[in-house]
Amino acid sequence: MNDLLRGKRLEEMNEKALNYTASIDFDSPLLPSVIKINKAHTIALYDAGVLSGPDALRLLKGLNIKEELPKESRLEDVHMFVEQRVREKTGEIGGYLNLGKSRNDQVATAIKMVTREYIIATMSSLLNLSETLVNKAERSTEMVMPVYTHLQVAQPITFAHWLLAYESMISRDMSRLSENYRRVNSSPMGAAASAGTTVKINRKEVADYLGFASVVGNSIDAVSSRDTLLEFIFITSSIALTLSRLSEDINFMSNNETGILIVPDSYASTSSAMPQKKNSVVTEIARACPGIILGNLVSTICVYKALPSSYNLDLQEMTPKMSESYLLIQTTIDVMIGLIEGLKFNEKRSENILIKNFSTAMETAEYITIKMGIPFREAHHILGAYVRECLEKELEPLSKEAYSVFLKELTPYKKNAINFKKYKSLLDPKQSVIKKTIYGGPSPSNTIKMVSEGRLYIIKYRENIRKEAERLIKASSKLDQKVAEIIGGESS
């Protein structure tokens, strides 16, 4: 195989050097795309009149490659593997396969075709996760829970509001993937090694056969740019970071001390030594996921950062990092869907945490300001002094003793302005949530609107993905039909 590439120009390559530079070990994801590219290119050569019908027929039949990519460094890469197999089937005519193209434009095109597949699959998985979050939120609009700031109980929200926060983050990554797809969907074929080719192939025709919406305008840019690959790895990093934060929330809120969430047993493990333990191991691995993907992002950026224009072999080291990131984010999304579906919520424990930690203090200060005409900063100080004394004396917030402390702090302003019944309602986390009707707030009425918005965006993206998948299938069918026309119904 090495002789096919090097011909009479170079002596045989050192075995260690060949093993070091070969990409055959991680080229498998590119093989189906490379075969399609060669078919489309062969048709373009035939249409350009530089390849006769019989020769085109033989090449296209030779491209009917069913075997998997072997792990042999002597084959160097997927491109030379395909050319070698075609030569074995067709003889010297296989030497026409690379007329008017190079491994440079071919690999850039194959990477984009694979990236398209990765984007569509990732978007589909994210939509499944979004739907899981939305469905669970719809059933949880009145389950109050604390939102934490600085890992301290802050204010009451609902379980639904927390779930929809992550759905909102995911929707932005969906938008990023959609934009990434648009930039990926442009064909480098025809750029050849870096300066194009004298062969009058129709670049747009090749792009159409391969399902691309356009062609890359500049031949140097076409073969040497991998910014869309970097963009995809960045987006997988962003998704991984969101899932990691979701996982850490679950870890924190399901621990023995907090106990708001209950991780399903089927997504947990126990200790080899401590039989009482229930460890949320899935979320721990999901929390680690970004470390690997961010490492891939940084390493690919470092490979790319100082490359001169046009093609350099350094670029091949970026491709497996993209595939690894894709596979990891896919498996993480898929396992998190099942965990979220089975996640349970402890309402009693949650309400207890909210009340004992004075979670409605801000809303109470706002009430005092609005109803009693006390400046908010003064109201803030009143509530701060009241909370401090209750905590120091270990008073239950809903007790008469705590109410007396509240009145004492309020006395300089308006004595007995708030009765005990009103005092208890101000501490009620459910009442606090119901009153937060401001857009984006956690009230049930707002949550229902957010659920509806989430469902609409899911429907929209699912339809877009369906249409794009159909378009790619039509392009592939068009290529197959053209191949069949040239072959004339003969089997290989």
Protein backbone atom coordinates (compact mmCIF):
# COMPACT_ATOMS: atom_id res chain seq x y z
CA MET A 1 0.00 0.00 0.00
CA ASN A 2 2.79 2.37 0.83
CA ASP A 3 4.24 1.80 -2.70
CA LEU A 4 0.94 2.86 -4.30
CA LEU A 5 1.23 6.26 -2.68
CA ARG A 6 4.99 6.83 -2.84
CA GLY A 7 5.55 5.37 -6.31
CA LYS A 8 9.04 6.18 -7.63
CA ARG A 9 9.37 9.46 -5.74
CA LEU A 10 10.37 8.11 -2.32
CA GLU A 11 11.95 5.04 -0.87
CA GLU A 12 9.96 2.81 1.48
CA MET A 13 8.88 4.57 4.66
CA ASN A 14 10.42 3.62 7.98
CA GLU A 15 8.00 1.31 9.80
CA LYS A 16 8.03 3.31 13.03
CA ALA A 17 7.50 6.54 11.12
CA LEU A 18 4.62 4.94 9.21
CA ASN A 19 2.98 3.70 12.40
CA TYR A 20 3.42 7.15 13.93
CA THR A 21 1.84 9.10 11.06
CA ALA A 22 -0.86 6.65 9.93
CA SER A 23 -4.49 7.44 10.78
CA ILE A 24 -5.99 4.10 9.78
CA ASP A 25 -6.67 3.16 13.43
CA PHE A 26 -9.22 5.94 13.90
CA ASP A 27 -10.52 6.51 10.35
CA SER A 28 -13.44 4.05 10.58
CA PRO A 29 -16.16 6.72 11.01
CA LEU A 30 -15.02 8.30 7.72
CA LEU A 31 -15.20 5.17 5.53
CA PRO A 32 -18.87 5.37 4.36
CA SER A 33 -18.44 9.06 3.54
CA VAL A 34 -15.17 8.48 1.64
CA ILE A 35 -16.84 5.81 -0.51
CA LYS A 36 -19.73 8.20 -1.30
CA ILE A 37 -17.29 10.99 -2.12
CA ASN A 38 -15.41 8.76 -4.58
CA LYS A 39 -18.66 7.75 -6.24
CA ALA A 40 -19.77 11.37 -6.63
CA HIS A 41 -16.33 12.35 -7.91
CA THR A 42 -16.27 9.50 -10.42
CA ILE A 43 -19.63 10.67 -11.78
CA ALA A 44 -18.26 14.23 -12.02
CA LEU A 45 -15.27 12.95 -14.01
CA TYR A 46 -17.63 11.06 -16.31
CA ASP A 47 -19.88 14.09 -16.78
CA ALA A 48 -16.80 16.25 -17.48
CA GLY A 49 -15.87 13.91 -20.33
CA VAL A 50 -12.49 12.90 -18.91
CA LEU A 51 -13.63 9.42 -17.95
CA SER A 52 -15.27 7.06 -20.42
CA GLY A 53 -18.47 5.21 -19.65
CA PRO A 54 -16.81 1.80 -19.34
CA ASP A 55 -14.09 3.21 -17.08
CA ALA A 56 -16.63 5.00 -14.91
CA LEU A 57 -18.63 1.78 -14.71
CA ARG A 58 -15.61 -0.21 -13.55
CA LEU A 59 -14.67 2.38 -10.94
CA LEU A 60 -18.18 2.62 -9.55
CA LYS A 61 -18.45 -1.16 -9.33
CA GLY A 62 -15.04 -1.23 -7.65
CA LEU A 63 -16.34 1.23 -5.05
CA ASN A 64 -18.87 -1.32 -3.83
CA ILE A 65 -16.76 -1.90 -0.70
CA LYS A 66 -18.49 -3.83 2.07
CA GLU A 67 -15.60 -4.70 4.36
CA GLU A 68 -14.63 -2.77 7.46
CA LEU A 69 -11.47 -0.73 7.68
CA PRO A 70 -8.53 -2.99 8.62
CA LYS A 71 -6.16 -1.92 11.38
CA GLU A 72 -3.00 -1.97 9.28
CA SER A 73 -0.67 1.00 9.39
CA ARG A 74 0.76 0.01 6.01
CA LEU A 75 -2.55 1.22 4.52
CA GLU A 76 -1.83 4.63 6.12
CA ASP A 77 -5.37 6.03 5.96
CA VAL A 78 -8.94 5.41 4.80
CA HIS A 79 -8.36 7.19 1.48
CA MET A 80 -5.52 4.95 0.40
CA PHE A 81 -7.44 1.92 1.63
CA VAL A 82 -10.33 2.74 -0.69
CA GLU A 83 -8.03 3.41 -3.63
CA GLN A 84 -6.14 0.17 -3.00
CA ARG A 85 -9.36 -1.87 -2.87
CA VAL A 86 -10.60 -0.30 -6.11
CA ARG A 87 -7.28 -1.07 -7.82
CA GLU A 88 -7.50 -4.66 -6.65
CA LYS A 89 -10.92 -4.94 -8.32
CA THR A 90 -10.29 -2.87 -11.45
CA GLY A 91 -6.57 -3.00 -12.13
CA GLU A 92 -4.82 0.06 -13.48
CA ILE A 93 -8.10 1.84 -14.14
CA GLY A 94 -8.24 2.43 -10.39
CA GLY A 95 -5.48 4.95 -10.91
CA TYR A 96 -8.08 7.38 -12.29
CA LEU A 97 -9.86 7.51 -8.96
CA ASN A 98 -7.78 10.41 -7.69
CA LEU A 99 -7.86 12.45 -10.90
CA GLY A 100 -8.98 15.99 -10.08
CA LYS A 101 -9.00 15.49 -6.32
CA SER A 102 -6.69 14.93 -3.38
CA ARG A 103 -6.81 13.33 0.00
CA ASN A 104 -6.86 16.93 1.23
CA ASP A 105 -10.27 17.95 -0.12
CA GLN A 106 -11.57 14.42 0.33
CA VAL A 107 -10.80 14.23 4.06
CA ALA A 108 -12.15 17.75 4.67
CA THR A 109 -15.39 16.70 2.96
CA ALA A 110 -15.63 13.37 4.79
CA ILE A 111 -15.12 15.11 8.14
CA LYS A 112 -17.95 17.51 7.35
CA MET A 113 -20.25 14.68 6.34
CA VAL A 114 -19.54 12.86 9.59
CA THR A 115 -19.94 16.08 11.57
CA ARG A 116 -23.38 16.53 9.99
CA GLU A 117 -24.36 13.07 11.22
CA TYR A 118 -23.02 13.85 14.69
CA ILE A 119 -24.93 17.14 14.86
CA ILE A 120 -28.24 15.59 13.82
CA ALA A 121 -27.84 12.71 16.28
CA THR A 122 -26.84 15.07 19.12
CA MET A 123 -29.79 17.37 18.42
CA SER A 124 -32.16 14.39 18.45
CA SER A 125 -30.82 13.21 21.81
CA LEU A 126 -31.00 16.71 23.28
CA LEU A 127 -34.63 16.99 22.18
CA ASN A 128 -35.37 13.73 23.98
CA LEU A 129 -33.76 15.15 27.13
CA SER A 130 -35.66 18.43 26.75
CA GLU A 131 -38.92 16.54 26.38
CA THR A 132 -38.15 14.54 29.52
CA LEU A 133 -37.51 17.76 31.48
CA VAL A 134 -40.65 19.44 30.13
CA ASN A 135 -42.87 16.42 30.85
CA LYS A 136 -41.58 16.17 34.42
CA ALA A 137 -41.94 19.92 34.91
CA GLU A 138 -45.57 19.80 33.80
CA ARG A 139 -46.28 17.39 36.66
CA SER A 140 -44.33 19.44 39.22
CA THR A 141 -45.68 22.98 38.98
CA GLU A 142 -46.75 23.16 42.65
CA MET A 143 -43.89 21.23 44.29
CA VAL A 144 -41.97 23.93 46.15
CA MET A 145 -38.24 23.63 46.71
CA PRO A 146 -35.37 25.95 47.60
CA VAL A 147 -33.14 27.61 45.09
CA TYR A 148 -29.62 27.91 46.47
CA THR A 149 -27.15 30.75 46.18
CA HIS A 150 -23.64 30.20 47.54
CA LEU A 151 -24.94 26.71 48.40
CA GLN A 152 -27.20 28.32 51.03
CA VAL A 153 -31.01 28.22 50.99
CA ALA A 154 -32.11 31.37 49.17
CA GLN A 155 -35.76 31.53 48.03
CA PRO A 156 -38.68 29.22 47.23
CA ILE A 157 -39.10 28.02 43.67
CA THR A 158 -40.75 24.88 42.29
CA PHE A 159 -39.31 21.58 41.15
CA ALA A 160 -40.73 22.47 37.73
CA HIS A 161 -38.89 25.80 37.67
CA TRP A 162 -35.59 24.08 38.44
CA LEU A 163 -36.16 21.48 35.70
CA LEU A 164 -37.07 24.15 33.15
CA ALA A 165 -33.92 26.11 33.96
CA TYR A 166 -31.90 23.23 32.51
CA GLU A 167 -34.29 22.87 29.59
CA SER A 168 -33.63 26.54 28.84
CA MET A 169 -29.85 26.00 28.90
CA ILE A 170 -30.19 23.02 26.57
CA SER A 171 -32.29 25.02 24.11
CA ARG A 172 -29.36 27.41 23.60
CA ASP A 173 -27.09 24.49 22.72
CA MET A 174 -29.74 23.34 20.25
CA SER A 175 -29.52 26.76 18.63
CA ARG A 176 -25.71 26.53 18.56
CA LEU A 177 -25.86 23.09 16.92
CA SER A 178 -28.27 24.41 14.31
CA GLU A 179 -25.90 27.25 13.45
CA ASN A 180 -22.94 24.87 13.43
CA TYR A 181 -24.79 22.62 10.99
CA ARG A 182 -25.34 25.50 8.58
CA ARG A 183 -21.61 26.23 8.50
CA VAL A 184 -20.67 22.55 8.23
CA ASN A 185 -23.01 22.00 5.30
CA SER A 186 -20.65 23.36 2.60
CA SER A 187 -18.57 21.08 0.38
CA PRO A 188 -14.76 21.33 0.05
CA MET A 189 -14.67 18.92 -2.93
CA GLY A 190 -12.98 20.36 -5.98
CA ALA A 191 -10.36 22.19 -3.98
CA ALA A 192 -8.03 19.21 -4.60
CA ALA A 193 -4.66 19.53 -2.86
CA SER A 194 -5.11 23.25 -2.18
CA ALA A 195 -5.31 25.16 -5.48
CA GLY A 196 -8.14 23.40 -7.26
CA THR A 197 -7.80 21.31 -10.41
CA THR A 198 -7.61 21.76 -14.18
CA VAL A 199 -10.24 19.04 -14.57
CA LYS A 200 -13.58 20.70 -15.33
CA ILE A 201 -15.59 18.95 -12.66
CA ASN A 202 -18.84 20.51 -11.50
CA ARG A 203 -18.29 21.27 -7.82
CA LYS A 204 -21.96 22.09 -7.27
CA GLU A 205 -23.00 18.77 -8.80
CA VAL A 206 -20.68 16.86 -6.45
CA ALA A 207 -21.97 18.90 -3.49
CA ASP A 208 -25.57 18.04 -4.45
CA TYR A 209 -24.82 14.32 -4.61
CA LEU A 210 -23.27 14.50 -1.15
CA GLY A 211 -26.13 16.51 0.34
CA PHE A 212 -24.27 19.79 0.81
CA ALA A 213 -26.16 23.08 0.51
CA SER A 214 -23.18 24.94 -0.99
CA VAL A 215 -19.48 24.73 -1.84
CA VAL A 216 -16.60 26.37 0.03
CA GLY A 217 -15.54 29.32 -2.12
CA ASN A 218 -11.81 29.43 -1.54
CA SER A 219 -9.77 26.30 -2.27
CA ILE A 220 -7.17 26.98 0.43
CA ASP A 221 -9.87 27.55 3.03
CA ALA A 222 -11.66 24.41 1.82
CA VAL A 223 -8.79 22.02 2.58
CA SER A 224 -7.20 23.65 5.61
CA SER A 225 -10.02 24.93 7.81
CA ARG A 226 -11.36 22.90 10.72
CA ASP A 227 -13.15 25.67 12.59
CA THR A 228 -16.51 23.90 12.19
CA LEU A 229 -14.99 20.81 13.85
CA LEU A 230 -13.71 22.98 16.70
CA GLU A 231 -17.14 24.59 16.96
CA PHE A 232 -18.80 21.19 17.30
CA ILE A 233 -16.41 20.11 20.06
CA PHE A 234 -17.05 23.42 21.82
CA ILE A 235 -20.80 22.82 21.69
CA THR A 236 -20.39 19.30 23.06
CA SER A 237 -18.32 20.91 25.82
CA SER A 238 -21.12 23.37 26.53
CA ILE A 239 -23.67 20.55 26.69
CA ALA A 240 -21.37 18.55 28.96
CA LEU A 241 -20.96 21.54 31.29
CA THR A 242 -24.74 21.88 31.57
CA LEU A 243 -25.13 18.18 32.30
CA SER A 244 -22.32 18.40 34.84
CA ARG A 245 -24.06 21.26 36.65
CA LEU A 246 -27.33 19.32 36.55
CA SER A 247 -25.48 16.34 38.00
CA GLU A 248 -23.93 18.38 40.79
CA ASP A 249 -27.35 19.80 41.70
CA ILE A 250 -28.67 16.25 41.93
CA ASN A 251 -25.65 15.13 43.96
CA PHE A 252 -26.13 17.97 46.43
CA MET A 253 -29.90 17.82 46.73
CA SER A 254 -30.00 14.03 47.06
CA ASN A 255 -27.38 13.70 49.80
CA ASN A 256 -28.32 12.61 53.32
CA GLU A 257 -28.20 16.14 54.71
CA THR A 258 -30.47 17.70 52.09
CA GLY A 259 -32.69 14.87 50.88
CA ILE A 260 -34.88 16.87 48.51
CA LEU A 261 -34.27 14.60 45.53
CA ILE A 262 -34.21 10.81 45.44
CA VAL A 263 -32.06 9.18 42.77
CA PRO A 264 -33.56 5.92 41.43
CA ASP A 265 -31.81 2.81 42.71
CA SER A 266 -31.19 1.69 39.13
CA TYR A 267 -28.93 4.72 38.61
CA ALA A 268 -27.07 4.42 41.92
CA SER A 269 -24.61 2.08 43.59
CA THR A 270 -23.47 1.25 47.10
CA SER A 271 -20.23 0.95 48.98
CA SER A 272 -18.13 -2.21 49.04
CA ALA A 273 -17.56 -1.62 52.76
CA MET A 274 -20.47 0.53 54.06
CA PRO A 275 -23.82 -1.20 53.49
CA GLN A 276 -25.89 1.87 54.33
CA LYS A 277 -24.55 3.86 51.38
CA LYS A 278 -26.45 4.86 48.25
CA ASN A 279 -24.12 6.67 45.87
CA SER A 280 -25.29 8.61 42.82
CA VAL A 281 -22.57 7.18 40.59
CA VAL A 282 -24.13 8.12 37.24
CA THR A 283 -24.15 11.81 38.08
CA GLU A 284 -20.58 11.56 39.33
CA ILE A 285 -19.41 10.22 35.97
CA ALA A 286 -21.55 12.81 34.15
CA ARG A 287 -19.87 15.47 36.29
CA ALA A 288 -16.49 14.21 35.07
CA CYS A 289 -17.56 14.15 31.42
CA PRO A 290 -16.69 17.81 30.66
CA GLY A 291 -13.12 17.26 31.79
CA ILE A 292 -12.56 14.83 28.92
CA ILE A 293 -14.42 16.86 26.30
CA LEU A 294 -12.82 20.15 27.37
CA GLY A 295 -9.47 18.38 27.14
CA ASN A 296 -10.33 17.40 23.57
CA LEU A 297 -11.31 20.98 22.79
CA VAL A 298 -8.11 22.43 24.19
CA SER A 299 -5.93 19.83 22.47
CA THR A 300 -7.55 20.44 19.07
CA ILE A 301 -7.22 24.20 19.51
CA CYS A 302 -3.54 23.73 20.32
CA VAL A 303 -3.04 21.57 17.22
CA TYR A 304 -4.80 24.19 15.08
CA LYS A 305 -3.46 27.40 16.58
CA ALA A 306 -0.23 27.93 14.61
CA LEU A 307 -0.73 25.94 11.41
CA PRO A 308 0.20 27.71 8.18
CA SER A 309 -2.48 28.01 5.52
CA SER A 310 -3.44 25.05 3.34
CA TYR A 311 -3.22 21.40 4.35
CA ASN A 312 -0.89 20.01 7.01
CA LEU A 313 -0.96 16.49 8.42
CA ASP A 314 -1.36 17.90 11.92
CA LEU A 315 -5.04 18.28 11.06
CA GLN A 316 -5.64 14.54 11.11
CA GLU A 317 -5.00 14.48 14.87
CA MET A 318 -8.12 16.61 15.42
CA THR A 319 -10.64 14.18 13.92
CA PRO A 320 -10.56 11.42 16.58
CA LYS A 321 -11.00 14.06 19.29
CA MET A 322 -14.28 15.09 17.68
CA SER A 323 -15.49 11.48 17.47
CA GLU A 324 -14.58 10.80 21.09
CA SER A 325 -16.40 13.94 22.24
CA TYR A 326 -19.49 13.00 20.24
CA LEU A 327 -19.65 9.46 21.59
CA LEU A 328 -19.17 10.62 25.17
CA ILE A 329 -21.82 13.34 25.02
CA GLN A 330 -24.27 10.94 23.36
CA THR A 331 -23.90 8.29 26.05
CA THR A 332 -24.09 10.92 28.79
CA ILE A 333 -27.30 12.45 27.41
CA ASP A 334 -28.90 9.05 26.97
CA VAL A 335 -28.17 7.86 30.52
CA MET A 336 -29.26 11.20 32.04
CA ILE A 337 -32.65 10.93 30.31
CA GLY A 338 -33.42 7.73 32.22
CA LEU A 339 -32.14 9.17 35.50
CA ILE A 340 -34.30 12.31 35.19
CA GLU A 341 -37.37 10.24 34.33
CA GLY A 342 -36.90 8.22 37.52
CA LEU A 343 -35.89 11.13 39.78
CA LYS A 344 -38.26 11.56 42.74
CA PHE A 345 -39.02 14.65 44.80
CA ASN A 346 -39.46 14.79 48.60
CA GLU A 347 -42.08 17.53 49.10
CA LYS A 348 -42.27 17.29 52.90
CA ARG A 349 -38.51 17.52 53.34
CA SER A 350 -38.31 20.40 50.87
CA GLU A 351 -40.99 22.49 52.59
CA ASN A 352 -39.35 21.91 55.96
CA ILE A 353 -35.99 23.18 54.65
CA LEU A 354 -37.65 26.25 53.16
CA ILE A 355 -39.46 27.23 56.36
CA LYS A 356 -36.70 26.57 58.87
CA ASN A 357 -34.23 28.58 56.77
CA PHE A 358 -36.50 31.65 56.48
CA SER A 359 -36.56 31.35 52.69
CA THR A 360 -39.28 34.00 52.29
CA ALA A 361 -37.35 36.76 54.10
CA MET A 362 -36.82 38.79 50.93
CA GLU A 363 -40.51 38.66 50.03
CA THR A 364 -41.43 39.63 53.60
CA ALA A 365 -39.11 42.63 53.40
CA GLU A 366 -40.74 43.59 50.11
CA TYR A 367 -44.19 43.33 51.76
CA ILE A 368 -43.13 45.57 54.64
CA THR A 369 -41.75 48.12 52.19
CA ILE A 370 -44.84 48.22 50.01
CA LYS A 371 -47.56 47.94 52.69
CA MET A 372 -45.93 49.94 55.46
CA GLY A 373 -43.92 52.51 53.55
CA ILE A 374 -40.58 51.49 55.09
CA PRO A 375 -37.55 51.85 52.77
CA PHE A 376 -36.39 48.45 51.55
CA ARG A 377 -32.95 48.73 53.14
CA GLU A 378 -34.58 49.36 56.53
CA ALA A 379 -36.95 46.44 55.96
CA HIS A 380 -33.93 44.33 55.04
CA HIS A 381 -32.30 45.21 58.37
CA ILE A 382 -35.50 44.41 60.30
CA LEU A 383 -35.70 40.93 58.75
CA GLY A 384 -31.97 40.38 59.22
CA ALA A 385 -32.16 41.13 62.96
CA TYR A 386 -35.27 38.96 63.33
CA VAL A 387 -33.64 35.96 61.56
CA ARG A 388 -30.45 36.30 63.57
CA GLU A 389 -32.25 36.28 66.94
CA CYS A 390 -34.47 33.34 65.94
CA LEU A 391 -31.42 31.32 64.92
CA GLU A 392 -29.48 32.22 68.07
CA LYS A 393 -32.43 31.20 70.27
CA GLU A 394 -33.20 28.15 68.08
CA LEU A 395 -36.80 29.25 67.59
CA GLU A 396 -39.10 27.56 65.12
CA PRO A 397 -40.03 30.17 62.47
CA LEU A 398 -43.78 29.44 62.73
CA SER A 399 -43.85 29.59 66.55
CA LYS A 400 -45.41 32.36 68.64
CA GLU A 401 -41.95 33.03 70.10
CA ALA A 402 -40.52 33.74 66.63
CA TYR A 403 -43.55 35.92 65.87
CA SER A 404 -42.82 37.93 69.03
CA VAL A 405 -39.26 38.54 67.85
CA PHE A 406 -40.63 39.70 64.51
CA LEU A 407 -43.01 42.18 66.19
CA LYS A 408 -40.23 43.44 68.46
CA GLU A 409 -38.07 44.34 65.45
CA LEU A 410 -41.05 45.94 63.75
CA THR A 411 -42.26 47.93 66.81
CA PRO A 412 -40.26 51.12 66.17
CA TYR A 413 -42.16 51.45 62.92
CA LYS A 414 -45.73 50.17 63.39
CA LYS A 415 -46.67 48.09 66.39
CA ASN A 416 -48.81 45.01 65.78
CA ALA A 417 -49.18 45.95 62.12
CA ILE A 418 -49.02 42.27 61.10
CA ASN A 419 -51.12 39.68 62.93
CA PHE A 420 -50.02 36.10 63.54
CA LYS A 421 -52.10 34.69 60.67
CA LYS A 422 -50.55 37.15 58.22
CA TYR A 423 -47.10 36.45 59.67
CA LYS A 424 -47.49 32.72 58.96
CA SER A 425 -48.70 33.38 55.42
CA LEU A 426 -45.60 35.49 54.78
CA LEU A 427 -43.46 32.48 55.73
CA ASP A 428 -45.43 30.09 53.52
CA PRO A 429 -43.17 29.10 50.59
CA LYS A 430 -46.14 28.08 48.44
CA GLN A 431 -47.71 31.52 48.79
CA SER A 432 -44.35 33.08 47.94
CA VAL A 433 -44.14 31.07 44.71
CA ILE A 434 -47.73 31.81 43.68
CA LYS A 435 -47.10 35.56 44.00
CA LYS A 436 -44.04 35.50 41.72
CA THR A 437 -46.01 36.06 38.53
CA ILE A 438 -43.33 38.26 36.96
CA TYR A 439 -42.26 36.85 33.56
CA GLY A 440 -39.67 34.14 34.10
CA GLY A 441 -40.68 33.58 37.71
CA PRO A 442 -41.64 30.25 39.32
CA SER A 443 -45.40 30.72 39.71
CA PRO A 444 -47.49 27.81 38.38
CA SER A 445 -49.13 30.11 35.82
CA ASN A 446 -45.70 31.08 34.47
CA THR A 447 -44.52 27.50 34.50
CA ILE A 448 -47.45 26.36 32.36
CA LYS A 449 -46.48 29.01 29.79
CA MET A 450 -42.85 27.87 29.86
CA VAL A 451 -43.89 24.26 29.38
CA SER A 452 -45.92 25.29 26.33
CA GLU A 453 -43.00 27.29 24.94
CA GLY A 454 -40.71 24.31 25.50
CA ARG A 455 -43.06 21.98 23.65
CA LEU A 456 -43.26 24.37 20.70
CA TYR A 457 -39.49 24.58 20.38
CA ILE A 458 -39.21 20.79 20.58
CA ILE A 459 -41.81 20.40 17.81
CA LYS A 460 -40.03 23.00 15.67
CA TYR A 461 -36.61 21.39 15.95
CA ARG A 462 -37.94 17.87 15.46
CA GLU A 463 -39.57 19.00 12.23
CA ASN A 464 -36.37 20.73 11.07
CA ILE A 465 -34.37 17.57 11.78
CA ARG A 466 -36.93 15.42 9.96
CA LYS A 467 -36.80 17.64 6.88
CA GLU A 468 -32.99 17.69 6.84
CA ALA A 469 -32.78 13.92 7.27
CA GLU A 470 -35.19 13.51 4.35
CA ARG A 471 -33.13 15.91 2.24
CA LEU A 472 -29.94 13.94 2.91
CA ILE A 473 -31.70 10.68 2.05
CA LYS A 474 -32.90 12.19 -1.25
CA ALA A 475 -29.36 13.34 -2.06
CA SER A 476 -28.01 9.87 -1.32
CA SER A 477 -30.75 8.30 -3.44
CA LYS A 478 -29.92 10.68 -6.28
CA LEU A 479 -26.29 9.54 -6.09
CA ASP A 480 -27.34 5.87 -6.05
CA GLN A 481 -29.64 6.39 -9.05
CA LYS A 482 -26.87 8.03 -11.04
CA VAL A 483 -24.53 5.19 -10.18
CA ALA A 484 -27.18 2.70 -11.29
CA GLU A 485 -27.62 4.54 -14.58
CA ILE A 486 -23.91 4.29 -15.38
CA ILE A 487 -23.59 0.70 -14.20
CA GLY A 488 -26.72 -0.13 -16.18
CA GLY A 489 -28.13 -2.50 -13.66
CA GLU A 490 -25.05 -4.71 -13.55
CA SER A 491 -24.06 -6.12 -10.17
CA SER A 492 -20.50 -5.84 -8.96
